Amino acid sequence: MSPLANSAFDSPFNPGLRLTEDRLDIAEAVLAGAWRTLRAAGFGEAEVQALFDQIADRPEDLARRLRKMANAGS
């Protein structure tokens, strides 16, 4: 475990929400997997980047859509 593993970072999407380095590492791995999956599905690099940029611009909307999809699968 790195010496910074217990340090926390403010979330740009939710003031007051603090994410530890460990959780950021997990999130980065998940996003890298999503990147690879989209590329394997035929999305171009520019398309994937544009998608990630669009998601970053509207985090509340993304969270709502993901919850809806997760609840539909239950």
N, C-alpha and C. Protein backbone atom coordinates (compact mmCIF):
# COMPACT_ATOMS: atom_id res chain seq x y z
N MET A 1 0.85 -1.17 0.00
CA MET A 1 0.00 0.00 0.00
C MET A 1 0.89 1.23 0.00
N SER A 2 0.55 2.18 -0.84
CA SER A 2 1.38 3.37 -0.93
C SER A 2 1.18 4.24 0.31
N PRO A 3 2.16 5.10 0.61
CA PRO A 3 2.03 5.95 1.79
C PRO A 3 0.87 6.93 1.67
N LEU A 4 0.38 7.17 0.45
CA LEU A 4 -0.72 8.10 0.26
C LEU A 4 -2.07 7.40 0.27
N ALA A 5 -2.10 6.11 0.48
CA ALA A 5 -3.34 5.33 0.36
C ALA A 5 -4.46 5.85 1.25
N ASN A 6 -4.13 6.45 2.37
CA ASN A 6 -5.16 6.95 3.26
C ASN A 6 -5.45 8.43 3.05
N SER A 7 -4.74 9.08 2.13
CA SER A 7 -5.04 10.48 1.87
C SER A 7 -6.34 10.57 1.11
N ALA A 8 -7.01 11.70 1.23
CA ALA A 8 -8.31 11.86 0.58
C ALA A 8 -8.28 13.07 -0.34
N PHE A 9 -9.10 13.00 -1.36
CA PHE A 9 -9.18 14.06 -2.35
C PHE A 9 -10.61 14.52 -2.45
N ASP A 10 -10.82 15.84 -2.57
CA ASP A 10 -12.17 16.36 -2.74
C ASP A 10 -12.69 15.97 -4.11
N SER A 11 -13.94 15.57 -4.15
CA SER A 11 -14.58 15.24 -5.42
C SER A 11 -15.01 16.54 -6.10
N PRO A 12 -14.70 16.69 -7.39
CA PRO A 12 -15.15 17.90 -8.09
C PRO A 12 -16.65 17.87 -8.34
N PHE A 13 -17.29 16.70 -8.19
CA PHE A 13 -18.70 16.55 -8.50
C PHE A 13 -19.61 16.72 -7.30
N ASN A 14 -19.06 16.56 -6.11
CA ASN A 14 -19.86 16.63 -4.91
C ASN A 14 -19.03 17.28 -3.82
N PRO A 15 -19.17 18.58 -3.64
CA PRO A 15 -18.38 19.26 -2.61
C PRO A 15 -18.57 18.58 -1.26
N GLY A 16 -17.50 18.37 -0.57
CA GLY A 16 -17.54 17.72 0.72
C GLY A 16 -17.34 16.21 0.65
N LEU A 17 -17.50 15.62 -0.53
CA LEU A 17 -17.25 14.19 -0.69
C LEU A 17 -15.76 13.99 -0.88
N ARG A 18 -15.19 13.13 -0.06
CA ARG A 18 -13.75 12.90 -0.13
C ARG A 18 -13.50 11.46 -0.57
N LEU A 19 -12.64 11.30 -1.56
CA LEU A 19 -12.31 9.99 -2.09
C LEU A 19 -10.87 9.65 -1.72
N THR A 20 -10.66 8.43 -1.23
CA THR A 20 -9.30 8.02 -0.89
C THR A 20 -8.57 7.61 -2.17
N GLU A 21 -7.27 7.58 -2.08
CA GLU A 21 -6.45 7.19 -3.23
C GLU A 21 -6.80 5.77 -3.69
N ASP A 22 -7.07 4.87 -2.75
CA ASP A 22 -7.45 3.50 -3.10
C ASP A 22 -8.70 3.50 -3.95
N ARG A 23 -9.69 4.29 -3.57
CA ARG A 23 -10.94 4.33 -4.32
C ARG A 23 -10.72 4.98 -5.69
N LEU A 24 -9.84 5.96 -5.75
CA LEU A 24 -9.52 6.56 -7.05
C LEU A 24 -8.84 5.54 -7.95
N ASP A 25 -7.97 4.70 -7.40
CA ASP A 25 -7.31 3.65 -8.19
C ASP A 25 -8.34 2.68 -8.77
N ILE A 26 -9.32 2.32 -7.95
CA ILE A 26 -10.38 1.41 -8.42
C ILE A 26 -11.18 2.07 -9.53
N ALA A 27 -11.55 3.32 -9.33
CA ALA A 27 -12.34 4.03 -10.34
C ALA A 27 -11.56 4.16 -11.65
N GLU A 28 -10.27 4.44 -11.57
CA GLU A 28 -9.46 4.55 -12.78
C GLU A 28 -9.40 3.21 -13.52
N ALA A 29 -9.31 2.11 -12.78
CA ALA A 29 -9.28 0.79 -13.41
C ALA A 29 -10.60 0.50 -14.12
N VAL A 30 -11.71 0.86 -13.48
CA VAL A 30 -13.02 0.65 -14.09
C VAL A 30 -13.16 1.50 -15.35
N LEU A 31 -12.74 2.75 -15.29
CA LEU A 31 -12.84 3.62 -16.46
C LEU A 31 -11.93 3.13 -17.59
N ALA A 32 -10.76 2.62 -17.25
CA ALA A 32 -9.87 2.07 -18.27
C ALA A 32 -10.52 0.86 -18.94
N GLY A 33 -11.22 0.04 -18.15
CA GLY A 33 -11.94 -1.09 -18.71
C GLY A 33 -13.06 -0.64 -19.63
N ALA A 34 -13.76 0.41 -19.23
CA ALA A 34 -14.83 0.95 -20.08
C ALA A 34 -14.24 1.47 -21.39
N TRP A 35 -13.10 2.14 -21.29
CA TRP A 35 -12.42 2.66 -22.49
C TRP A 35 -12.10 1.51 -23.45
N ARG A 36 -11.49 0.46 -22.91
CA ARG A 36 -11.12 -0.70 -23.75
C ARG A 36 -12.35 -1.37 -24.36
N THR A 37 -13.42 -1.50 -23.57
CA THR A 37 -14.65 -2.13 -24.06
C THR A 37 -15.25 -1.32 -25.20
N LEU A 38 -15.33 -0.02 -25.03
CA LEU A 38 -15.88 0.83 -26.10
C LEU A 38 -15.03 0.76 -27.36
N ARG A 39 -13.72 0.76 -27.19
CA ARG A 39 -12.82 0.67 -28.36
C ARG A 39 -13.02 -0.68 -29.05
N ALA A 40 -13.15 -1.76 -28.28
CA ALA A 40 -13.35 -3.08 -28.86
C ALA A 40 -14.70 -3.17 -29.57
N ALA A 41 -15.67 -2.37 -29.12
CA ALA A 41 -17.00 -2.36 -29.73
C ALA A 41 -17.04 -1.51 -31.00
N GLY A 42 -15.90 -0.93 -31.36
CA GLY A 42 -15.83 -0.18 -32.61
C GLY A 42 -15.88 1.32 -32.49
N PHE A 43 -15.94 1.83 -31.27
CA PHE A 43 -15.91 3.28 -31.10
C PHE A 43 -14.48 3.77 -31.38
N GLY A 44 -14.37 4.86 -32.09
CA GLY A 44 -13.07 5.45 -32.35
C GLY A 44 -12.55 6.15 -31.10
N GLU A 45 -11.24 6.38 -31.07
CA GLU A 45 -10.65 7.03 -29.89
C GLU A 45 -11.27 8.39 -29.63
N ALA A 46 -11.49 9.16 -30.68
CA ALA A 46 -12.09 10.49 -30.52
C ALA A 46 -13.53 10.38 -29.99
N GLU A 47 -14.26 9.35 -30.44
CA GLU A 47 -15.63 9.15 -29.95
C GLU A 47 -15.64 8.81 -28.47
N VAL A 48 -14.73 7.95 -28.06
CA VAL A 48 -14.66 7.57 -26.64
C VAL A 48 -14.29 8.78 -25.80
N GLN A 49 -13.32 9.56 -26.27
CA GLN A 49 -12.93 10.76 -25.52
C GLN A 49 -14.09 11.74 -25.42
N ALA A 50 -14.83 11.92 -26.53
CA ALA A 50 -15.98 12.82 -26.52
C ALA A 50 -17.05 12.32 -25.55
N LEU A 51 -17.26 11.01 -25.51
CA LEU A 51 -18.24 10.43 -24.59
C LEU A 51 -17.83 10.69 -23.14
N PHE A 52 -16.57 10.44 -22.82
CA PHE A 52 -16.09 10.67 -21.46
C PHE A 52 -16.19 12.16 -21.10
N ASP A 53 -15.88 13.04 -22.05
CA ASP A 53 -15.99 14.47 -21.80
C ASP A 53 -17.44 14.87 -21.53
N GLN A 54 -18.36 14.32 -22.32
CA GLN A 54 -19.78 14.62 -22.14
C GLN A 54 -20.25 14.14 -20.77
N ILE A 55 -19.83 12.96 -20.37
CA ILE A 55 -20.21 12.43 -19.06
C ILE A 55 -19.66 13.31 -17.94
N ALA A 56 -18.42 13.75 -18.09
CA ALA A 56 -17.80 14.59 -17.06
C ALA A 56 -18.51 15.93 -16.93
N ASP A 57 -19.10 16.41 -18.02
CA ASP A 57 -19.81 17.68 -17.97
C ASP A 57 -21.17 17.59 -17.29
N ARG A 58 -21.73 16.37 -17.18
CA ARG A 58 -23.06 16.19 -16.61
C ARG A 58 -23.10 15.01 -15.65
N PRO A 59 -22.34 15.07 -14.55
CA PRO A 59 -22.26 13.92 -13.65
C PRO A 59 -23.60 13.56 -13.00
N GLU A 60 -24.43 14.56 -12.68
CA GLU A 60 -25.71 14.24 -12.03
C GLU A 60 -26.60 13.46 -12.98
N ASP A 61 -26.62 13.86 -14.24
CA ASP A 61 -27.43 13.18 -15.24
C ASP A 61 -26.95 11.74 -15.41
N LEU A 62 -25.65 11.54 -15.44
CA LEU A 62 -25.08 10.20 -15.57
C LEU A 62 -25.50 9.33 -14.39
N ALA A 63 -25.38 9.85 -13.19
CA ALA A 63 -25.73 9.07 -12.01
C ALA A 63 -27.19 8.65 -12.07
N ARG A 64 -28.06 9.54 -12.48
CA ARG A 64 -29.49 9.22 -12.58
C ARG A 64 -29.72 8.12 -13.62
N ARG A 65 -29.07 8.22 -14.78
CA ARG A 65 -29.23 7.21 -15.83
C ARG A 65 -28.68 5.85 -15.40
N LEU A 66 -27.54 5.85 -14.72
CA LEU A 66 -26.96 4.59 -14.27
C LEU A 66 -27.84 3.91 -13.22
N ARG A 67 -28.41 4.70 -12.30
CA ARG A 67 -29.32 4.13 -11.30
C ARG A 67 -30.54 3.52 -11.97
N LYS A 68 -31.08 4.22 -12.98
CA LYS A 68 -32.25 3.72 -13.70
C LYS A 68 -31.92 2.39 -14.39
N MET A 69 -30.75 2.31 -15.03
CA MET A 69 -30.36 1.08 -15.70
C MET A 69 -30.15 -0.05 -14.68
N ALA A 70 -29.52 0.25 -13.57
CA ALA A 70 -29.27 -0.76 -12.55
C ALA A 70 -30.58 -1.28 -11.96
N ASN A 71 -31.52 -0.39 -11.74
CA ASN A 71 -32.81 -0.79 -11.17
C ASN A 71 -33.62 -1.60 -12.18
N ALA A 72 -33.47 -1.33 -13.46
CA ALA A 72 -34.21 -2.07 -14.49
C ALA A 72 -33.69 -3.50 -14.58
N GLY A 73 -32.42 -3.71 -14.26
CA GLY A 73 -31.83 -5.04 -14.34
C GLY A 73 -32.14 -5.91 -13.13
N SER A 74 -32.71 -5.32 -12.10
CA SER A 74 -32.97 -6.08 -10.86
C SER A 74 -34.19 -6.96 -10.99
